[in-house]
Structures are given as C-alpha cells and as structure tokens.
Amino acid sequence: MELVTRTLGSAAIAVLALCSATLARADHLVVVVGASSTAPKLSSEQVSAIFLGSVKSFPNGEKAIPIDQTAGSPAYGQFYGQVAGRSEAQIKAYWSRMVFTGKGAPPQEAGDGAAVKKLVASNPNLVGYIDAGLVDGSVKVLAEIK
C-alpha cells in the first residue's frame, strides 16, 4: 500500500510540474511579422507606439499595420498590460477618445493567436502578438513580451 501511495504521489507531482511548465509557456507573448518582412527587432516602447497608433512604420521605414487579438481575450489583456501599462478599460477609453477626435482608430481584431499568425504571415506590413508556442517558420519574432 505504501508503494502505491508513493507512486501516486510521484505521478501527481510530475503532472503538476508538466502543467506548470505548459501554463508558464502560455503566458509568454511575442510580437511577430511575416517571415519575409525586413522589420528590425523592436523595443517595448516601439511596440507600444505602433499598437497605440502614434507610430505608423517600423524603424526601417517599412509600413506597420498592427493586428489585435480579440478584445477581452487573455492575450489582449496581457499584451496591453505589459506593453502599454494599461488595463483593457483604459485601452477602450483611449481608443474612444482617438476615434471621437479623429486622431486614429484601433487595430483590427483578428481573433486568436492562430488567426493573427496566419494574417501576419501573409502580409509583411502586418504586425501582431501571439503565444510564443505558436512561432514557426512563417513568422519572425520582433519582440518578446514578458
């Protein structure tokens, strides 16, 4: 009986460790463009400026068109909290002011990370954020969001 208890306890610890590693990976977002883009690596400040509409191009002069994940999604909240230091409510209020004053419009929403990856892979001017686990040869990482 003691052997069964020890074995089950060890198995439970292994499962918890595996789940923790998976969850930690899911919390790591990256900013990506299509693999063919010539855009350079970006600082957090540059990413924020692009996604808040104050900058319309990458540092190399290439046009930058930001694509958001769906508002209300965990990735959306995490991204704006870490990059812009703002809550979802603050981002919504910011874009309401920008639209009302005619100074800008929010990025188009593409759905989840897989949809963002598919879009940015097809157009070198699009830039989006996805879970690091979704990165493959179709996209290039410009910044890591931690």
C-alpha atoms as a PDB file:
ATOM      1  CA  MET A   1       0.000   0.000   0.000  1.00  0.00           C
ATOM      2  CA  GLU A   2       2.841   2.376   0.863  1.00  0.00           C
ATOM      3  CA  LEU A   3       4.395   1.745  -2.572  1.00  0.00           C
ATOM      4  CA  VAL A   4       1.104   2.636  -4.296  1.00  0.00           C
ATOM      5  CA  THR A   5       0.805   5.851  -2.279  1.00  0.00           C
ATOM      6  CA  ARG A   6       4.386   6.866  -3.095  1.00  0.00           C
ATOM      7  CA  THR A   7       3.911   6.058  -6.786  1.00  0.00           C
ATOM      8  CA  LEU A   8       0.674   8.041  -6.994  1.00  0.00           C
ATOM      9  CA  GLY A   9       2.263  10.941  -5.130  1.00  0.00           C
ATOM     10  CA  SER A  10       5.226  10.981  -7.527  1.00  0.00           C
ATOM     11  CA  ALA A  11       2.902  10.822 -10.528  1.00  0.00           C
ATOM     12  CA  ALA A  12       0.833  13.722  -9.191  1.00  0.00           C
ATOM     13  CA  ILE A  13       3.954  15.839  -8.704  1.00  0.00           C
ATOM     14  CA  ALA A  14       5.113  15.056 -12.246  1.00  0.00           C
ATOM     15  CA  VAL A  15       1.722  16.028 -13.694  1.00  0.00           C
ATOM     16  CA  LEU A  16       1.687  19.294 -11.723  1.00  0.00           C
ATOM     17  CA  ALA A  17       5.203  20.146 -12.906  1.00  0.00           C
ATOM     18  CA  LEU A  18       4.215  19.470 -16.515  1.00  0.00           C
ATOM     19  CA  CYS A  19       1.071  21.600 -16.192  1.00  0.00           C
ATOM     20  CA  SER A  20       3.046  24.446 -14.618  1.00  0.00           C
ATOM     21  CA  ALA A  21       5.564  24.403 -17.466  1.00  0.00           C
ATOM     22  CA  THR A  22       2.753  24.466 -20.028  1.00  0.00           C
ATOM     23  CA  LEU A  23       0.995  27.358 -18.292  1.00  0.00           C
ATOM     24  CA  ALA A  24       4.222  29.328 -17.995  1.00  0.00           C
ATOM     25  CA  ARG A  25       4.814  28.949 -21.716  1.00  0.00           C
ATOM     26  CA  ALA A  26       1.270  30.123 -22.496  1.00  0.00           C
ATOM     27  CA  ASP A  27       1.936  33.337 -20.577  1.00  0.00           C
ATOM     28  CA  HIS A  28       4.810  34.347 -22.851  1.00  0.00           C
ATOM     29  CA  LEU A  29       3.724  36.520 -25.779  1.00  0.00           C
ATOM     30  CA  VAL A  30       5.852  37.559 -28.737  1.00  0.00           C
ATOM     31  CA  VAL A  31       5.378  40.298 -31.327  1.00  0.00           C
ATOM     32  CA  VAL A  32       5.611  38.856 -34.836  1.00  0.00           C
ATOM     33  CA  VAL A  33       5.648  39.792 -38.504  1.00  0.00           C
ATOM     34  CA  GLY A  34       5.693  37.621 -41.598  1.00  0.00           C
ATOM     35  CA  ALA A  35       8.952  35.788 -42.269  1.00  0.00           C
ATOM     36  CA  SER A  36       9.558  37.897 -45.402  1.00  0.00           C
ATOM     37  CA  SER A  37       9.356  41.216 -43.516  1.00  0.00           C
ATOM     38  CA  THR A  38      12.543  43.269 -43.201  1.00  0.00           C
ATOM     39  CA  ALA A  39      11.336  44.929 -39.984  1.00  0.00           C
ATOM     40  CA  PRO A  40      14.013  45.005 -37.256  1.00  0.00           C
ATOM     41  CA  LYS A  41      13.720  43.937 -33.612  1.00  0.00           C
ATOM     42  CA  LEU A  42      11.580  46.326 -31.541  1.00  0.00           C
ATOM     43  CA  SER A  43      11.773  47.679 -28.011  1.00  0.00           C
ATOM     44  CA  SER A  44       8.712  47.564 -25.765  1.00  0.00           C
ATOM     45  CA  GLU A  45       8.288  51.318 -26.286  1.00  0.00           C
ATOM     46  CA  GLN A  46       8.313  50.912 -30.079  1.00  0.00           C
ATOM     47  CA  VAL A  47       5.747  48.101 -29.862  1.00  0.00           C
ATOM     48  CA  SER A  48       3.514  50.275 -27.663  1.00  0.00           C
ATOM     49  CA  ALA A  49       3.783  53.226 -30.074  1.00  0.00           C
ATOM     50  CA  ILE A  50       2.811  51.045 -33.048  1.00  0.00           C
ATOM     51  CA  PHE A  51      -0.170  49.436 -31.294  1.00  0.00           C
ATOM     52  CA  LEU A  52      -1.392  52.756 -29.843  1.00  0.00           C
ATOM     53  CA  GLY A  53      -1.231  54.383 -33.270  1.00  0.00           C
ATOM     54  CA  SER A  54       1.373  57.064 -32.575  1.00  0.00           C
ATOM     55  CA  VAL A  55       3.852  55.441 -34.992  1.00  0.00           C
ATOM     56  CA  LYS A  56       2.791  54.119 -38.395  1.00  0.00           C
ATOM     57  CA  SER A  57       6.037  52.469 -39.541  1.00  0.00           C
ATOM     58  CA  PHE A  58       8.850  50.253 -38.344  1.00  0.00           C
ATOM     59  CA  PRO A  59      12.226  51.897 -37.590  1.00  0.00           C
ATOM     60  CA  ASN A  60      13.441  50.905 -41.084  1.00  0.00           C
ATOM     61  CA  GLY A  61      10.609  52.910 -42.698  1.00  0.00           C
ATOM     62  CA  GLU A  62       8.504  49.883 -43.656  1.00  0.00           C
ATOM     63  CA  LYS A  63       4.761  50.453 -43.026  1.00  0.00           C
ATOM     64  CA  ALA A  64       3.481  48.862 -39.790  1.00  0.00           C
ATOM     65  CA  ILE A  65      -0.152  47.764 -39.529  1.00  0.00           C
ATOM     66  CA  PRO A  66      -0.991  46.354 -36.072  1.00  0.00           C
ATOM     67  CA  ILE A  67      -3.420  43.462 -35.674  1.00  0.00           C
ATOM     68  CA  ASP A  68      -5.026  42.735 -32.295  1.00  0.00           C
ATOM     69  CA  GLN A  69      -6.351  39.555 -30.824  1.00  0.00           C
ATOM     70  CA  THR A  70      -9.980  39.749 -29.714  1.00  0.00           C
ATOM     71  CA  ALA A  71     -10.655  42.342 -27.002  1.00  0.00           C
ATOM     72  CA  GLY A  72     -11.451  40.560 -23.772  1.00  0.00           C
ATOM     73  CA  SER A  73      -9.168  37.625 -24.520  1.00  0.00           C
ATOM     74  CA  PRO A  74      -6.417  36.792 -22.012  1.00  0.00           C
ATOM     75  CA  ALA A  75      -3.716  37.596 -24.597  1.00  0.00           C
ATOM     76  CA  TYR A  76      -5.243  41.030 -25.311  1.00  0.00           C
ATOM     77  CA  GLY A  77      -5.302  41.992 -21.638  1.00  0.00           C
ATOM     78  CA  GLN A  78      -1.819  40.633 -21.009  1.00  0.00           C
ATOM     79  CA  PHE A  79      -0.363  42.382 -24.062  1.00  0.00           C
ATOM     80  CA  TYR A  80      -1.695  45.856 -23.278  1.00  0.00           C
ATOM     81  CA  GLY A  81      -0.994  45.472 -19.573  1.00  0.00           C
ATOM     82  CA  GLN A  82       2.644  44.588 -20.171  1.00  0.00           C
ATOM     83  CA  VAL A  83       3.423  46.733 -23.226  1.00  0.00           C
ATOM     84  CA  ALA A  84       1.340  49.854 -22.603  1.00  0.00           C
ATOM     85  CA  GLY A  85       0.854  49.567 -18.843  1.00  0.00           C
ATOM     86  CA  ARG A  86      -2.904  49.960 -19.310  1.00  0.00           C
ATOM     87  CA  SER A  87      -5.955  47.884 -18.456  1.00  0.00           C
ATOM     88  CA  GLU A  88      -8.486  46.830 -21.071  1.00  0.00           C
ATOM     89  CA  ALA A  89     -10.862  49.557 -19.842  1.00  0.00           C
ATOM     90  CA  GLN A  90      -8.114  52.160 -20.241  1.00  0.00           C
ATOM     91  CA  ILE A  91      -7.338  50.933 -23.771  1.00  0.00           C
ATOM     92  CA  LYS A  92     -11.037  51.090 -24.678  1.00  0.00           C
ATOM     93  CA  ALA A  93     -11.268  54.654 -23.306  1.00  0.00           C
ATOM     94  CA  TYR A  94      -8.073  55.641 -25.158  1.00  0.00           C
ATOM     95  CA  TRP A  95      -9.431  54.424 -28.496  1.00  0.00           C
ATOM     96  CA  SER A  96     -12.820  56.042 -27.843  1.00  0.00           C
ATOM     97  CA  ARG A  97     -11.048  59.405 -27.428  1.00  0.00           C
ATOM     98  CA  MET A  98      -8.864  58.842 -30.501  1.00  0.00           C
ATOM     99  CA  VAL A  99     -11.861  57.938 -32.685  1.00  0.00           C
ATOM    100  CA  PHE A 100     -14.007  60.793 -31.313  1.00  0.00           C
ATOM    101  CA  THR A 101     -11.285  63.370 -32.025  1.00  0.00           C
ATOM    102  CA  GLY A 102     -10.471  61.873 -35.427  1.00  0.00           C
ATOM    103  CA  LYS A 103      -6.895  61.111 -34.405  1.00  0.00           C
ATOM    104  CA  GLY A 104      -6.958  57.385 -35.001  1.00  0.00           C
ATOM    105  CA  ALA A 105      -8.720  54.054 -34.996  1.00  0.00           C
ATOM    106  CA  PRO A 106      -7.917  50.899 -33.039  1.00  0.00           C
ATOM    107  CA  PRO A 107      -6.121  47.991 -34.698  1.00  0.00           C
ATOM    108  CA  GLN A 108      -8.331  45.477 -36.472  1.00  0.00           C
ATOM    109  CA  GLU A 109      -9.096  42.370 -34.418  1.00  0.00           C
ATOM    110  CA  ALA A 110      -8.210  39.030 -35.950  1.00  0.00           C
ATOM    111  CA  GLY A 111      -9.453  36.566 -33.355  1.00  0.00           C
ATOM    112  CA  ASP A 112      -6.981  34.306 -31.584  1.00  0.00           C
ATOM    113  CA  GLY A 113      -3.232  33.821 -31.914  1.00  0.00           C
ATOM    114  CA  ALA A 114      -3.535  31.296 -34.741  1.00  0.00           C
ATOM    115  CA  ALA A 115      -5.611  33.764 -36.788  1.00  0.00           C
ATOM    116  CA  VAL A 116      -3.133  36.582 -36.099  1.00  0.00           C
ATOM    117  CA  LYS A 117      -0.229  34.346 -37.144  1.00  0.00           C
ATOM    118  CA  LYS A 118      -1.965  33.393 -40.383  1.00  0.00           C
ATOM    119  CA  LEU A 119      -2.642  37.054 -41.240  1.00  0.00           C
ATOM    120  CA  VAL A 120       0.825  38.406 -40.443  1.00  0.00           C
ATOM    121  CA  ALA A 121       2.446  35.543 -42.353  1.00  0.00           C
ATOM    122  CA  SER A 122       0.558  36.650 -45.478  1.00  0.00           C
ATOM    123  CA  ASN A 123       1.473  40.373 -45.389  1.00  0.00           C
ATOM    124  CA  PRO A 124       4.917  41.801 -44.465  1.00  0.00           C
ATOM    125  CA  ASN A 125       3.337  45.050 -43.188  1.00  0.00           C
ATOM    126  CA  LEU A 126       1.129  43.394 -40.580  1.00  0.00           C
ATOM    127  CA  VAL A 127       2.385  43.020 -37.015  1.00  0.00           C
ATOM    128  CA  GLY A 128       0.661  41.108 -34.240  1.00  0.00           C
ATOM    129  CA  TYR A 129       1.213  39.303 -30.962  1.00  0.00           C
ATOM    130  CA  ILE A 130       0.870  35.588 -30.336  1.00  0.00           C
ATOM    131  CA  ASP A 131       1.804  32.966 -27.775  1.00  0.00           C
ATOM    132  CA  ALA A 132       5.476  32.027 -28.145  1.00  0.00           C
ATOM    133  CA  GLY A 133       4.438  28.399 -28.632  1.00  0.00           C
ATOM    134  CA  LEU A 134       2.805  29.289 -31.971  1.00  0.00           C
ATOM    135  CA  VAL A 135       6.017  30.605 -33.557  1.00  0.00           C
ATOM    136  CA  ASP A 136       7.148  28.687 -36.630  1.00  0.00           C
ATOM    137  CA  GLY A 137       8.927  29.396 -39.912  1.00  0.00           C
ATOM    138  CA  SER A 138       6.044  31.504 -41.253  1.00  0.00           C
ATOM    139  CA  VAL A 139       6.697  34.362 -38.807  1.00  0.00           C
ATOM    140  CA  LYS A 140       9.628  36.347 -37.417  1.00  0.00           C
ATOM    141  CA  VAL A 141       9.807  37.489 -33.774  1.00  0.00           C
ATOM    142  CA  LEU A 142      10.436  41.227 -33.314  1.00  0.00           C
ATOM    143  CA  ALA A 143       9.983  41.424 -29.541  1.00  0.00           C
ATOM    144  CA  GLU A 144       9.316  39.221 -26.540  1.00  0.00           C
ATOM    145  CA  ILE A 145       6.671  40.315 -24.043  1.00  0.00           C
ATOM    146  CA  LYS A 146       7.468  39.103 -20.540  1.00  0.00           C
END
